[in-house]
Amino acid sequence: MAASFEEGNLERPNWAGETNLSRLVGALIGFKPLYSLLKLGARQVLIRYCLEGVGD
């Protein structure tokens, strides 16, 4: 079953902060093509990490 996520202007949690860096990171993540690349890279790292754990 696929989960559905709400998009748009969501309320920011307290830990997100209001610094320039957090706003920059939020803007980069909000840029869909870059987010897709980041998601793909994170998936590959997670798979590689899990496979290394299996071989131990």
PDB file of N, CA and C in Angstrom:
ATOM      1  N   MET A   1       0.845  -1.168   0.000  1.00  0.00           N
ATOM      2  CA  MET A   1       0.000   0.000   0.000  1.00  0.00           C
ATOM      3  C   MET A   1       0.894   1.237   0.000  1.00  0.00           C
ATOM      4  N   ALA A   2       0.669   2.140  -0.904  1.00  0.00           N
ATOM      5  CA  ALA A   2       1.465   3.351  -1.011  1.00  0.00           C
ATOM      6  C   ALA A   2       0.912   4.419  -0.069  1.00  0.00           C
ATOM      7  N   ALA A   3       1.810   5.108   0.609  1.00  0.00           N
ATOM      8  CA  ALA A   3       1.406   6.182   1.504  1.00  0.00           C
ATOM      9  C   ALA A   3       1.280   7.477   0.713  1.00  0.00           C
ATOM     10  N   SER A   4       0.331   8.298   1.096  1.00  0.00           N
ATOM     11  CA  SER A   4       0.188   9.595   0.440  1.00  0.00           C
ATOM     12  C   SER A   4       0.692  10.673   1.389  1.00  0.00           C
ATOM     13  N   PHE A   5       1.409  11.633   0.845  1.00  0.00           N
ATOM     14  CA  PHE A   5       1.986  12.702   1.626  1.00  0.00           C
ATOM     15  C   PHE A   5       1.442  14.032   1.151  1.00  0.00           C
ATOM     16  N   GLU A   6       1.227  14.924   2.080  1.00  0.00           N
ATOM     17  CA  GLU A   6       0.723  16.247   1.768  1.00  0.00           C
ATOM     18  C   GLU A   6       1.881  17.118   1.286  1.00  0.00           C
ATOM     19  N   GLU A   7       1.660  17.837   0.208  1.00  0.00           N
ATOM     20  CA  GLU A   7       2.673  18.745  -0.314  1.00  0.00           C
ATOM     21  C   GLU A   7       2.207  20.176  -0.143  1.00  0.00           C
ATOM     22  N   GLY A   8       3.158  21.090  -0.174  1.00  0.00           N
ATOM     23  CA  GLY A   8       2.810  22.504  -0.087  1.00  0.00           C
ATOM     24  C   GLY A   8       3.419  23.137   1.142  1.00  0.00           C
ATOM     25  N   ASN A   9       2.816  24.212   1.594  1.00  0.00           N
ATOM     26  CA  ASN A   9       3.308  24.944   2.757  1.00  0.00           C
ATOM     27  C   ASN A   9       2.850  24.245   4.030  1.00  0.00           C
ATOM     28  N   LEU A  10       3.739  23.482   4.603  1.00  0.00           N
ATOM     29  CA  LEU A  10       3.433  22.754   5.825  1.00  0.00           C
ATOM     30  C   LEU A  10       4.046  23.486   7.007  1.00  0.00           C
ATOM     31  N   GLU A  11       3.501  23.223   8.171  1.00  0.00           N
ATOM     32  CA  GLU A  11       4.033  23.828   9.385  1.00  0.00           C
ATOM     33  C   GLU A  11       5.388  23.211   9.699  1.00  0.00           C
ATOM     34  N   ARG A  12       6.354  24.054  10.031  1.00  0.00           N
ATOM     35  CA  ARG A  12       7.709  23.569  10.318  1.00  0.00           C
ATOM     36  C   ARG A  12       7.826  23.163  11.776  1.00  0.00           C
ATOM     37  N   PRO A  13       8.487  22.034  12.054  1.00  0.00           N
ATOM     38  CA  PRO A  13       8.695  21.640  13.459  1.00  0.00           C
ATOM     39  C   PRO A  13       9.691  22.580  14.132  1.00  0.00           C
ATOM     40  N   ASN A  14       9.689  22.572  15.456  1.00  0.00           N
ATOM     41  CA  ASN A  14      10.572  23.461  16.222  1.00  0.00           C
ATOM     42  C   ASN A  14      12.047  23.215  15.919  1.00  0.00           C
ATOM     43  N   TRP A  15      12.431  21.946  15.684  1.00  0.00           N
ATOM     44  CA  TRP A  15      13.840  21.642  15.475  1.00  0.00           C
ATOM     45  C   TRP A  15      14.329  22.081  14.102  1.00  0.00           C
ATOM     46  N   ALA A  16      13.432  22.451  13.191  1.00  0.00           N
ATOM     47  CA  ALA A  16      13.849  22.840  11.842  1.00  0.00           C
ATOM     48  C   ALA A  16      14.580  24.176  11.849  1.00  0.00           C
ATOM     49  N   GLY A  17      14.249  25.045  12.776  1.00  0.00           N
ATOM     50  CA  GLY A  17      14.939  26.326  12.880  1.00  0.00           C
ATOM     51  C   GLY A  17      14.534  27.297  11.788  1.00  0.00           C
ATOM     52  N   GLU A  18      14.952  28.524  11.965  1.00  0.00           N
ATOM     53  CA  GLU A  18      14.646  29.581  10.999  1.00  0.00           C
ATOM     54  C   GLU A  18      15.928  30.256  10.521  1.00  0.00           C
ATOM     55  N   THR A  19      17.029  29.525  10.526  1.00  0.00           N
ATOM     56  CA  THR A  19      18.293  30.106  10.089  1.00  0.00           C
ATOM     57  C   THR A  19      18.367  30.126   8.569  1.00  0.00           C
ATOM     58  N   ASN A  20      19.309  30.896   8.056  1.00  0.00           N
ATOM     59  CA  ASN A  20      19.494  30.955   6.605  1.00  0.00           C
ATOM     60  C   ASN A  20      19.871  29.587   6.037  1.00  0.00           C
ATOM     61  N   LEU A  21      20.678  28.842   6.785  1.00  0.00           N
ATOM     62  CA  LEU A  21      21.086  27.508   6.325  1.00  0.00           C
ATOM     63  C   LEU A  21      19.891  26.569   6.222  1.00  0.00           C
ATOM     64  N   SER A  22      19.027  26.577   7.225  1.00  0.00           N
ATOM     65  CA  SER A  22      17.861  25.677   7.182  1.00  0.00           C
ATOM     66  C   SER A  22      16.912  26.085   6.062  1.00  0.00           C
ATOM     67  N   ARG A  23      16.798  27.374   5.798  1.00  0.00           N
ATOM     68  CA  ARG A  23      15.962  27.827   4.678  1.00  0.00           C
ATOM     69  C   ARG A  23      16.568  27.417   3.339  1.00  0.00           C
ATOM     70  N   LEU A  24      17.900  27.487   3.218  1.00  0.00           N
ATOM     71  CA  LEU A  24      18.575  27.074   1.991  1.00  0.00           C
ATOM     72  C   LEU A  24      18.384  25.579   1.754  1.00  0.00           C
ATOM     73  N   VAL A  25      18.580  24.791   2.791  1.00  0.00           N
ATOM     74  CA  VAL A  25      18.407  23.340   2.665  1.00  0.00           C
ATOM     75  C   VAL A  25      16.963  23.019   2.307  1.00  0.00           C
ATOM     76  N   GLY A  26      16.013  23.711   2.929  1.00  0.00           N
ATOM     77  CA  GLY A  26      14.607  23.500   2.605  1.00  0.00           C
ATOM     78  C   GLY A  26      14.289  23.838   1.162  1.00  0.00           C
ATOM     79  N   ALA A  27      14.902  24.915   0.651  1.00  0.00           N
ATOM     80  CA  ALA A  27      14.678  25.296  -0.743  1.00  0.00           C
ATOM     81  C   ALA A  27      15.287  24.268  -1.693  1.00  0.00           C
ATOM     82  N   LEU A  28      16.467  23.750  -1.361  1.00  0.00           N
ATOM     83  CA  LEU A  28      17.098  22.736  -2.208  1.00  0.00           C
ATOM     84  C   LEU A  28      16.282  21.448  -2.235  1.00  0.00           C
ATOM     85  N   ILE A  29      15.760  21.060  -1.076  1.00  0.00           N
ATOM     86  CA  ILE A  29      14.933  19.860  -1.011  1.00  0.00           C
ATOM     87  C   ILE A  29      13.620  20.086  -1.754  1.00  0.00           C
ATOM     88  N   GLY A  30      13.124  21.301  -1.711  1.00  0.00           N
ATOM     89  CA  GLY A  30      11.877  21.622  -2.394  1.00  0.00           C
ATOM     90  C   GLY A  30      11.989  21.626  -3.908  1.00  0.00           C
ATOM     91  N   PHE A  31      13.214  21.663  -4.429  1.00  0.00           N
ATOM     92  CA  PHE A  31      13.454  21.634  -5.879  1.00  0.00           C
ATOM     93  C   PHE A  31      13.377  20.181  -6.324  1.00  0.00           C
ATOM     94  N   LYS A  32      12.281  19.812  -6.980  1.00  0.00           N
ATOM     95  CA  LYS A  32      11.958  18.404  -7.252  1.00  0.00           C
ATOM     96  C   LYS A  32      13.064  17.615  -7.969  1.00  0.00           C
ATOM     97  N   PRO A  33      13.709  18.136  -9.039  1.00  0.00           N
ATOM     98  CA  PRO A  33      14.756  17.318  -9.684  1.00  0.00           C
ATOM     99  C   PRO A  33      15.922  17.015  -8.739  1.00  0.00           C
ATOM    100  N   LEU A  34      16.323  17.987  -7.928  1.00  0.00           N
ATOM    101  CA  LEU A  34      17.413  17.756  -6.980  1.00  0.00           C
ATOM    102  C   LEU A  34      16.972  16.780  -5.899  1.00  0.00           C
ATOM    103  N   TYR A  35      15.736  16.910  -5.438  1.00  0.00           N
ATOM    104  CA  TYR A  35      15.214  15.990  -4.426  1.00  0.00           C
ATOM    105  C   TYR A  35      15.218  14.554  -4.934  1.00  0.00           C
ATOM    106  N   SER A  36      14.874  14.373  -6.194  1.00  0.00           N
ATOM    107  CA  SER A  36      14.873  13.026  -6.773  1.00  0.00           C
ATOM    108  C   SER A  36      16.273  12.426  -6.774  1.00  0.00           C
ATOM    109  N   LEU A  37      17.275  13.244  -7.099  1.00  0.00           N
ATOM    110  CA  LEU A  37      18.660  12.758  -7.065  1.00  0.00           C
ATOM    111  C   LEU A  37      19.100  12.430  -5.650  1.00  0.00           C
ATOM    112  N   LEU A  38      18.736  13.287  -4.693  1.00  0.00           N
ATOM    113  CA  LEU A  38      19.098  13.038  -3.295  1.00  0.00           C
ATOM    114  C   LEU A  38      18.439  11.753  -2.789  1.00  0.00           C
ATOM    115  N   LYS A  39      17.197  11.543  -3.168  1.00  0.00           N
ATOM    116  CA  LYS A  39      16.472  10.350  -2.745  1.00  0.00           C
ATOM    117  C   LYS A  39      17.113   9.094  -3.328  1.00  0.00           C
ATOM    118  N   LEU A  40      17.501   9.147  -4.595  1.00  0.00           N
ATOM    119  CA  LEU A  40      18.156   8.016  -5.234  1.00  0.00           C
ATOM    120  C   LEU A  40      19.496   7.711  -4.559  1.00  0.00           C
ATOM    121  N   GLY A  41      20.281   8.756  -4.284  1.00  0.00           N
ATOM    122  CA  GLY A  41      21.570   8.564  -3.619  1.00  0.00           C
ATOM    123  C   GLY A  41      21.405   7.985  -2.223  1.00  0.00           C
ATOM    124  N   ALA A  42      20.410   8.467  -1.486  1.00  0.00           N
ATOM    125  CA  ALA A  42      20.169   7.952  -0.135  1.00  0.00           C
ATOM    126  C   ALA A  42      19.762   6.484  -0.176  1.00  0.00           C
ATOM    127  N   ARG A  43      18.958   6.128  -1.169  1.00  0.00           N
ATOM    128  CA  ARG A  43      18.539   4.728  -1.319  1.00  0.00           C
ATOM    129  C   ARG A  43      19.739   3.833  -1.591  1.00  0.00           C
ATOM    130  N   GLN A  44      20.644   4.272  -2.475  1.00  0.00           N
ATOM    131  CA  GLN A  44      21.820   3.473  -2.801  1.00  0.00           C
ATOM    132  C   GLN A  44      22.734   3.316  -1.591  1.00  0.00           C
ATOM    133  N   VAL A  45      22.894   4.376  -0.806  1.00  0.00           N
ATOM    134  CA  VAL A  45      23.728   4.297   0.400  1.00  0.00           C
ATOM    135  C   VAL A  45      23.103   3.337   1.396  1.00  0.00           C
ATOM    136  N   LEU A  46      21.790   3.412   1.568  1.00  0.00           N
ATOM    137  CA  LEU A  46      21.109   2.524   2.506  1.00  0.00           C
ATOM    138  C   LEU A  46      21.250   1.065   2.081  1.00  0.00           C
ATOM    139  N   ILE A  47      21.077   0.796   0.804  1.00  0.00           N
ATOM    140  CA  ILE A  47      21.225  -0.578   0.303  1.00  0.00           C
ATOM    141  C   ILE A  47      22.651  -1.070   0.505  1.00  0.00           C
ATOM    142  N   ARG A  48      23.632  -0.245   0.174  1.00  0.00           N
ATOM    143  CA  ARG A  48      25.036  -0.634   0.331  1.00  0.00           C
ATOM    144  C   ARG A  48      25.355  -0.904   1.810  1.00  0.00           C
ATOM    145  N   TYR A  49      24.848  -0.070   2.710  1.00  0.00           N
ATOM    146  CA  TYR A  49      25.091  -0.229   4.138  1.00  0.00           C
ATOM    147  C   TYR A  49      24.474  -1.542   4.632  1.00  0.00           C
ATOM    148  N   CYS A  50      23.270  -1.825   4.182  1.00  0.00           N
ATOM    149  CA  CYS A  50      22.599  -3.072   4.615  1.00  0.00           C
ATOM    150  C   CYS A  50      23.331  -4.297   4.084  1.00  0.00           C
ATOM    151  N   LEU A  51      23.814  -4.237   2.849  1.00  0.00           N
ATOM    152  CA  LEU A  51      24.531  -5.371   2.286  1.00  0.00           C
ATOM    153  C   LEU A  51      25.843  -5.612   2.997  1.00  0.00           C
ATOM    154  N   GLU A  52      26.519  -4.552   3.429  1.00  0.00           N
ATOM    155  CA  GLU A  52      27.763  -4.731   4.189  1.00  0.00           C
ATOM    156  C   GLU A  52      27.482  -5.393   5.526  1.00  0.00           C
ATOM    157  N   GLY A  53      26.348  -5.061   6.148  1.00  0.00           N
ATOM    158  CA  GLY A  53      25.981  -5.655   7.421  1.00  0.00           C
ATOM    159  C   GLY A  53      25.655  -7.135   7.294  1.00  0.00           C
ATOM    160  N   VAL A  54      25.119  -7.564   6.159  1.00  0.00           N
ATOM    161  CA  VAL A  54      24.772  -8.960   5.937  1.00  0.00           C
ATOM    162  C   VAL A  54      26.031  -9.806   5.809  1.00  0.00           C
ATOM    163  N   GLY A  55      27.072  -9.247   5.218  1.00  0.00           N
ATOM    164  CA  GLY A  55      28.297 -10.001   4.976  1.00  0.00           C
ATOM    165  C   GLY A  55      29.157 -10.196   6.205  1.00  0.00           C
ATOM    166  N   ASP A  56      28.863  -9.486   7.305  1.00  0.00           N
ATOM    167  CA  ASP A  56      29.704  -9.603   8.510  1.00  0.00           C
ATOM    168  C   ASP A  56      29.428 -10.859   9.269  1.00  0.00           C
TER     169      ASP A  56
END
